[in-house]
Amino acid sequence: MHSLPEVDVTAVPIEPSPGVTLLDVREDDEWQAGHIAGALHIPLMQVPQRLAELDAEHRILVVCKVGGRSAQATQFLCAQGRDAVNLAGGMVAWEAAGRPMVRDDEGTAFVA
């Protein structure tokens, strides 16, 4: 079994890089409570049927709350031939590192 590609939150730029899709696989209520600006929200169970929404040319940085669901999504995406990487520690690590988050009710969220 291959090891899961993973990146530490400190290695991720605060502003999404060109050529990188930030994919948040948490549930709707978690997303609304706070997410990374510019992220695309596709709950984990919807990823297989919504695969076409992810640019095949982009690296996909996958995030969830602590890293479990995003690890599943990363494994699935890699199996589909996508360049996917799991964000170690998920949103808990992102927030602990003092990284900015947005909320849907602030009107600053990315809309897919």
N, C-alpha and C. Protein backbone atom coordinates (compact mmCIF):
# COMPACT_ATOMS: atom_id res chain seq x y z
N MET A 1 0.85 -1.20 0.00
CA MET A 1 0.00 0.00 0.00
C MET A 1 0.88 1.24 0.00
N HIS A 2 0.53 2.21 -0.81
CA HIS A 2 1.27 3.46 -0.88
C HIS A 2 0.91 4.34 0.30
N SER A 3 1.87 5.14 0.73
CA SER A 3 1.55 6.08 1.80
C SER A 3 0.72 7.21 1.20
N LEU A 4 -0.13 7.76 2.03
CA LEU A 4 -1.04 8.82 1.60
C LEU A 4 -0.28 10.14 1.49
N PRO A 5 -0.37 10.82 0.34
CA PRO A 5 0.28 12.13 0.23
C PRO A 5 -0.36 13.10 1.21
N GLU A 6 0.47 13.74 2.01
CA GLU A 6 -0.04 14.63 3.05
C GLU A 6 0.86 15.86 3.15
N VAL A 7 0.27 16.99 3.51
CA VAL A 7 1.03 18.23 3.68
C VAL A 7 0.64 18.85 5.01
N ASP A 8 1.62 19.42 5.67
CA ASP A 8 1.39 20.11 6.94
C ASP A 8 0.80 21.49 6.66
N VAL A 9 -0.05 21.96 7.56
CA VAL A 9 -0.72 23.25 7.39
C VAL A 9 0.28 24.39 7.22
N THR A 10 1.43 24.30 7.86
CA THR A 10 2.42 25.38 7.76
C THR A 10 3.04 25.47 6.37
N ALA A 11 2.90 24.42 5.56
CA ALA A 11 3.45 24.42 4.21
C ALA A 11 2.45 24.91 3.17
N VAL A 12 1.23 25.23 3.61
CA VAL A 12 0.18 25.65 2.69
C VAL A 12 0.06 27.17 2.71
N PRO A 13 0.15 27.82 1.54
CA PRO A 13 -0.03 29.28 1.52
C PRO A 13 -1.44 29.67 1.96
N ILE A 14 -1.57 30.81 2.62
CA ILE A 14 -2.89 31.26 3.06
C ILE A 14 -3.79 31.54 1.85
N GLU A 15 -3.24 32.14 0.82
CA GLU A 15 -3.99 32.37 -0.42
C GLU A 15 -3.81 31.16 -1.32
N PRO A 16 -4.89 30.58 -1.86
CA PRO A 16 -4.75 29.41 -2.74
C PRO A 16 -3.84 29.71 -3.93
N SER A 17 -2.96 28.80 -4.22
CA SER A 17 -2.02 28.95 -5.34
C SER A 17 -2.72 28.64 -6.65
N PRO A 18 -2.31 29.30 -7.75
CA PRO A 18 -2.86 28.93 -9.06
C PRO A 18 -2.52 27.46 -9.33
N GLY A 19 -3.44 26.76 -9.93
CA GLY A 19 -3.20 25.35 -10.24
C GLY A 19 -3.48 24.41 -9.08
N VAL A 20 -4.02 24.96 -7.97
CA VAL A 20 -4.38 24.14 -6.82
C VAL A 20 -5.85 24.35 -6.51
N THR A 21 -6.59 23.25 -6.38
CA THR A 21 -7.99 23.30 -5.95
C THR A 21 -8.02 22.88 -4.50
N LEU A 22 -8.59 23.72 -3.64
CA LEU A 22 -8.76 23.38 -2.24
C LEU A 22 -10.15 22.78 -2.09
N LEU A 23 -10.20 21.50 -1.74
CA LEU A 23 -11.46 20.77 -1.65
C LEU A 23 -11.80 20.49 -0.20
N ASP A 24 -12.93 21.00 0.27
CA ASP A 24 -13.41 20.79 1.63
C ASP A 24 -14.50 19.73 1.57
N VAL A 25 -14.26 18.59 2.25
CA VAL A 25 -15.19 17.46 2.16
C VAL A 25 -16.07 17.30 3.41
N ARG A 26 -16.13 18.35 4.22
CA ARG A 26 -16.97 18.29 5.43
C ARG A 26 -18.45 18.45 5.07
N GLU A 27 -19.30 18.22 6.08
CA GLU A 27 -20.74 18.37 5.89
C GLU A 27 -21.13 19.85 5.87
N ASP A 28 -22.35 20.13 5.40
CA ASP A 28 -22.82 21.50 5.22
C ASP A 28 -22.70 22.34 6.49
N ASP A 29 -23.11 21.80 7.66
CA ASP A 29 -23.08 22.59 8.88
C ASP A 29 -21.65 22.93 9.29
N GLU A 30 -20.72 22.02 9.05
CA GLU A 30 -19.31 22.29 9.37
C GLU A 30 -18.77 23.39 8.45
N TRP A 31 -19.10 23.30 7.16
CA TRP A 31 -18.68 24.28 6.17
C TRP A 31 -19.18 25.67 6.56
N GLN A 32 -20.47 25.76 6.92
CA GLN A 32 -21.07 27.05 7.26
C GLN A 32 -20.46 27.66 8.51
N ALA A 33 -19.96 26.81 9.42
CA ALA A 33 -19.36 27.30 10.66
C ALA A 33 -18.00 27.96 10.41
N GLY A 34 -17.37 27.63 9.30
CA GLY A 34 -16.10 28.27 8.96
C GLY A 34 -15.28 27.40 8.04
N HIS A 35 -14.73 28.03 7.00
CA HIS A 35 -13.92 27.30 6.02
C HIS A 35 -12.84 28.21 5.45
N ILE A 36 -11.98 27.63 4.66
CA ILE A 36 -10.88 28.37 4.06
C ILE A 36 -11.42 29.12 2.83
N ALA A 37 -11.09 30.40 2.74
CA ALA A 37 -11.53 31.21 1.60
C ALA A 37 -11.04 30.58 0.30
N GLY A 38 -11.93 30.52 -0.69
CA GLY A 38 -11.58 29.98 -1.99
C GLY A 38 -11.75 28.48 -2.12
N ALA A 39 -12.15 27.82 -1.04
CA ALA A 39 -12.32 26.36 -1.09
C ALA A 39 -13.58 25.98 -1.86
N LEU A 40 -13.54 24.80 -2.45
CA LEU A 40 -14.70 24.21 -3.11
C LEU A 40 -15.29 23.21 -2.12
N HIS A 41 -16.59 23.31 -1.87
CA HIS A 41 -17.25 22.44 -0.89
C HIS A 41 -17.98 21.31 -1.60
N ILE A 42 -17.48 20.09 -1.39
CA ILE A 42 -18.15 18.89 -1.86
C ILE A 42 -18.09 17.87 -0.72
N PRO A 43 -19.21 17.63 -0.02
CA PRO A 43 -19.18 16.65 1.07
C PRO A 43 -18.63 15.30 0.60
N LEU A 44 -17.93 14.61 1.49
CA LEU A 44 -17.23 13.38 1.14
C LEU A 44 -18.07 12.40 0.32
N MET A 45 -19.31 12.15 0.74
CA MET A 45 -20.13 11.15 0.05
C MET A 45 -20.52 11.58 -1.37
N GLN A 46 -20.35 12.87 -1.70
CA GLN A 46 -20.70 13.35 -3.04
C GLN A 46 -19.50 13.40 -3.98
N VAL A 47 -18.30 13.19 -3.45
CA VAL A 47 -17.09 13.33 -4.27
C VAL A 47 -17.12 12.44 -5.52
N PRO A 48 -17.44 11.13 -5.40
CA PRO A 48 -17.41 10.30 -6.62
C PRO A 48 -18.31 10.81 -7.74
N GLN A 49 -19.54 11.22 -7.43
CA GLN A 49 -20.44 11.67 -8.50
C GLN A 49 -20.15 13.10 -8.95
N ARG A 50 -19.35 13.85 -8.19
CA ARG A 50 -19.03 15.23 -8.57
C ARG A 50 -17.57 15.40 -9.01
N LEU A 51 -16.93 14.28 -9.33
CA LEU A 51 -15.52 14.29 -9.72
C LEU A 51 -15.23 15.24 -10.87
N ALA A 52 -16.17 15.36 -11.80
CA ALA A 52 -15.99 16.22 -12.97
C ALA A 52 -15.83 17.70 -12.60
N GLU A 53 -16.27 18.10 -11.39
CA GLU A 53 -16.14 19.49 -10.96
C GLU A 53 -14.70 19.84 -10.57
N LEU A 54 -13.86 18.81 -10.44
CA LEU A 54 -12.47 19.03 -10.04
C LEU A 54 -11.58 19.02 -11.27
N ASP A 55 -10.89 20.10 -11.51
CA ASP A 55 -10.01 20.24 -12.67
C ASP A 55 -8.93 19.17 -12.64
N ALA A 56 -8.90 18.32 -13.65
CA ALA A 56 -7.94 17.22 -13.71
C ALA A 56 -6.49 17.71 -13.81
N GLU A 57 -6.31 18.97 -14.21
CA GLU A 57 -4.96 19.53 -14.34
C GLU A 57 -4.45 20.13 -13.04
N HIS A 58 -5.33 20.30 -12.06
CA HIS A 58 -4.95 20.93 -10.80
C HIS A 58 -4.55 19.91 -9.75
N ARG A 59 -3.63 20.31 -8.88
CA ARG A 59 -3.38 19.55 -7.66
C ARG A 59 -4.58 19.81 -6.76
N ILE A 60 -5.05 18.80 -6.04
CA ILE A 60 -6.21 18.95 -5.16
C ILE A 60 -5.74 18.80 -3.72
N LEU A 61 -5.90 19.86 -2.94
CA LEU A 61 -5.59 19.84 -1.52
C LEU A 61 -6.90 19.57 -0.79
N VAL A 62 -6.99 18.43 -0.10
CA VAL A 62 -8.25 17.99 0.50
C VAL A 62 -8.23 18.24 2.00
N VAL A 63 -9.32 18.82 2.52
CA VAL A 63 -9.42 19.16 3.94
C VAL A 63 -10.76 18.71 4.51
N CYS A 64 -10.73 18.29 5.79
CA CYS A 64 -11.96 18.04 6.55
C CYS A 64 -11.73 18.61 7.95
N LYS A 65 -12.34 18.06 8.97
CA LYS A 65 -12.18 18.62 10.31
C LYS A 65 -10.81 18.27 10.91
N VAL A 66 -10.47 16.97 10.94
CA VAL A 66 -9.20 16.57 11.55
C VAL A 66 -8.31 15.73 10.63
N GLY A 67 -8.80 15.36 9.46
CA GLY A 67 -7.98 14.64 8.50
C GLY A 67 -8.44 13.25 8.12
N GLY A 68 -9.45 12.71 8.76
CA GLY A 68 -9.93 11.36 8.46
C GLY A 68 -10.70 11.27 7.15
N ARG A 69 -11.73 12.11 7.01
CA ARG A 69 -12.53 12.09 5.78
C ARG A 69 -11.71 12.57 4.59
N SER A 70 -10.86 13.57 4.83
CA SER A 70 -10.04 14.06 3.72
C SER A 70 -9.04 13.00 3.28
N ALA A 71 -8.58 12.17 4.21
CA ALA A 71 -7.68 11.06 3.84
C ALA A 71 -8.41 10.08 2.93
N GLN A 72 -9.68 9.79 3.24
CA GLN A 72 -10.48 8.90 2.39
C GLN A 72 -10.65 9.51 1.00
N ALA A 73 -10.98 10.80 0.96
CA ALA A 73 -11.17 11.47 -0.33
C ALA A 73 -9.86 11.50 -1.12
N THR A 74 -8.75 11.77 -0.43
CA THR A 74 -7.45 11.81 -1.10
C THR A 74 -7.12 10.45 -1.70
N GLN A 75 -7.36 9.39 -0.94
CA GLN A 75 -7.11 8.03 -1.42
C GLN A 75 -7.96 7.74 -2.67
N PHE A 76 -9.23 8.12 -2.63
CA PHE A 76 -10.12 7.93 -3.77
C PHE A 76 -9.63 8.71 -4.99
N LEU A 77 -9.30 10.00 -4.78
CA LEU A 77 -8.86 10.84 -5.89
C LEU A 77 -7.57 10.32 -6.51
N CYS A 78 -6.63 9.89 -5.67
CA CYS A 78 -5.38 9.33 -6.19
C CYS A 78 -5.66 8.08 -7.02
N ALA A 79 -6.60 7.27 -6.57
CA ALA A 79 -6.98 6.05 -7.30
C ALA A 79 -7.59 6.39 -8.66
N GLN A 80 -8.16 7.60 -8.77
CA GLN A 80 -8.74 8.06 -10.04
C GLN A 80 -7.70 8.75 -10.92
N GLY A 81 -6.45 8.73 -10.47
CA GLY A 81 -5.39 9.34 -11.25
C GLY A 81 -5.20 10.83 -11.01
N ARG A 82 -5.84 11.35 -9.98
CA ARG A 82 -5.72 12.79 -9.67
C ARG A 82 -4.53 13.03 -8.75
N ASP A 83 -3.97 14.23 -8.82
CA ASP A 83 -2.88 14.64 -7.95
C ASP A 83 -3.51 15.25 -6.70
N ALA A 84 -3.76 14.42 -5.70
CA ALA A 84 -4.44 14.87 -4.48
C ALA A 84 -3.53 14.72 -3.26
N VAL A 85 -3.69 15.66 -2.33
CA VAL A 85 -2.88 15.70 -1.11
C VAL A 85 -3.81 16.00 0.06
N ASN A 86 -3.62 15.27 1.15
CA ASN A 86 -4.41 15.47 2.37
C ASN A 86 -3.79 16.57 3.23
N LEU A 87 -4.62 17.46 3.77
CA LEU A 87 -4.14 18.47 4.72
C LEU A 87 -4.10 17.84 6.10
N ALA A 88 -2.88 17.60 6.61
CA ALA A 88 -2.70 16.96 7.91
C ALA A 88 -3.35 17.80 9.02
N GLY A 89 -4.18 17.16 9.82
CA GLY A 89 -4.83 17.86 10.94
C GLY A 89 -6.06 18.63 10.58
N GLY A 90 -6.36 18.77 9.29
CA GLY A 90 -7.58 19.40 8.82
C GLY A 90 -7.80 20.82 9.33
N MET A 91 -9.07 21.17 9.46
CA MET A 91 -9.44 22.53 9.87
C MET A 91 -9.03 22.81 11.32
N VAL A 92 -8.93 21.77 12.14
CA VAL A 92 -8.48 21.96 13.52
C VAL A 92 -7.05 22.51 13.50
N ALA A 93 -6.19 21.90 12.68
CA ALA A 93 -4.80 22.37 12.56
C ALA A 93 -4.75 23.75 11.92
N TRP A 94 -5.60 23.98 10.90
CA TRP A 94 -5.64 25.28 10.21
C TRP A 94 -5.97 26.39 11.21
N GLU A 95 -7.02 26.16 12.00
CA GLU A 95 -7.44 27.17 12.97
C GLU A 95 -6.40 27.33 14.08
N ALA A 96 -5.82 26.23 14.55
CA ALA A 96 -4.79 26.28 15.60
C ALA A 96 -3.56 27.06 15.15
N ALA A 97 -3.30 27.03 13.84
CA ALA A 97 -2.15 27.76 13.28
C ALA A 97 -2.48 29.25 13.08
N GLY A 98 -3.71 29.64 13.44
CA GLY A 98 -4.10 31.05 13.31
C GLY A 98 -4.41 31.46 11.89
N ARG A 99 -4.72 30.47 11.04
CA ARG A 99 -5.03 30.77 9.64
C ARG A 99 -6.45 31.33 9.53
N PRO A 100 -6.68 32.23 8.55
CA PRO A 100 -8.00 32.85 8.41
C PRO A 100 -9.06 31.87 7.90
N MET A 101 -10.29 32.11 8.37
CA MET A 101 -11.44 31.32 7.92
C MET A 101 -12.57 32.29 7.60
N VAL A 102 -13.48 31.85 6.74
CA VAL A 102 -14.67 32.65 6.43
C VAL A 102 -15.90 31.83 6.75
N ARG A 103 -17.01 32.53 6.93
CA ARG A 103 -18.30 31.88 7.20
C ARG A 103 -19.28 32.26 6.12
N ASP A 104 -20.20 31.35 5.81
CA ASP A 104 -21.19 31.64 4.78
C ASP A 104 -22.04 32.87 5.13
N ASP A 105 -22.35 33.05 6.40
CA ASP A 105 -23.22 34.17 6.76
C ASP A 105 -22.51 35.53 6.69
N GLU A 106 -21.20 35.53 6.45
CA GLU A 106 -20.48 36.79 6.25
C GLU A 106 -20.50 37.21 4.80
N GLY A 107 -20.97 36.32 3.93
CA GLY A 107 -21.09 36.66 2.52
C GLY A 107 -19.77 36.67 1.78
N THR A 108 -18.73 36.08 2.37
CA THR A 108 -17.42 36.10 1.72
C THR A 108 -17.01 34.71 1.22
N ALA A 109 -17.92 33.77 1.30
CA ALA A 109 -17.58 32.40 0.92
C ALA A 109 -17.55 32.25 -0.59
N PHE A 110 -16.69 31.37 -1.04
CA PHE A 110 -16.59 31.01 -2.46
C PHE A 110 -17.82 30.21 -2.83
N VAL A 111 -18.41 30.50 -3.95
CA VAL A 111 -19.57 29.75 -4.42
C VAL A 111 -19.17 28.99 -5.66
N ALA A 112 -19.34 27.68 -5.61
CA ALA A 112 -18.95 26.83 -6.75
C ALA A 112 -19.92 26.99 -7.90
